[in-house]
Amino acid sequence: MKIEIQSENEVVSNMDGLCIKVKSEEYNILPHALNFILPRGAALPKEPKNAR
């Protein structure tokens, strides 16, 4: 699964303790490898039926 995050304003991204200001990021995620905390109202694409 690929997740793309975009913002009109710069936001601080923290990956392994490295903080950087970004307007967009892209992640490739292994199925069931990570847990994410998302703000209320945020939406992810639905998982394809054959993903598991």
Protein backbone atom coordinates (compact mmCIF):
# COMPACT_ATOMS: atom_id res chain seq x y z
CA MET A 1 0.00 0.00 0.00
CA LYS A 2 1.23 3.48 -0.78
CA ILE A 3 0.19 6.47 1.32
CA GLU A 4 0.69 10.04 0.15
CA ILE A 5 0.29 12.95 2.59
CA GLN A 6 0.01 16.53 1.36
CA SER A 7 -0.42 19.85 3.17
CA GLU A 8 -0.73 23.44 1.98
CA ASN A 9 1.51 24.54 4.88
CA GLU A 10 4.78 23.04 6.04
CA VAL A 11 4.37 20.53 8.86
CA VAL A 12 7.00 18.79 10.97
CA SER A 13 7.59 15.14 10.13
CA ASN A 14 9.45 12.90 12.57
CA MET A 15 11.00 9.65 11.35
CA ASP A 16 13.37 7.84 13.72
CA GLY A 17 14.05 11.06 15.66
CA LEU A 18 14.86 13.19 12.60
CA CYS A 19 12.49 16.17 12.42
CA ILE A 20 12.09 17.90 9.05
CA LYS A 21 9.59 20.40 7.62
CA VAL A 22 7.66 19.03 4.65
CA LYS A 23 4.60 19.80 2.52
CA SER A 24 4.26 16.25 1.20
CA GLU A 25 5.48 12.75 1.97
CA GLU A 26 5.02 9.32 0.47
CA TYR A 27 5.23 5.99 2.28
CA ASN A 28 5.21 2.42 1.01
CA ILE A 29 3.70 0.22 3.71
CA LEU A 30 4.02 -3.53 4.18
CA PRO A 31 0.60 -5.01 5.02
CA HIS A 32 0.04 -5.20 8.79
CA ALA A 33 3.61 -4.02 9.55
CA LEU A 34 2.82 -0.62 11.16
CA ASN A 35 0.09 1.08 13.15
CA PHE A 36 -0.84 4.69 12.41
CA ILE A 37 -2.65 7.25 14.53
CA LEU A 38 -4.73 9.46 12.24
CA PRO A 39 -6.65 12.64 13.05
CA ARG A 40 -10.42 12.35 13.27
CA GLY A 41 -11.91 12.69 9.77
CA ALA A 42 -8.76 11.43 7.98
CA ALA A 43 -9.39 8.69 5.44
CA LEU A 44 -7.22 5.95 3.97
CA PRO A 45 -7.93 4.11 0.74
CA LYS A 46 -9.79 0.86 1.30
CA GLU A 47 -7.63 -2.24 1.43
CA PRO A 48 -7.90 -4.35 -1.75
CA LYS A 49 -9.70 -7.66 -1.15
CA ASN A 50 -6.62 -9.67 -2.18
CA ALA A 51 -4.19 -7.74 0.08
CA ARG A 52 -4.08 -10.38 2.84
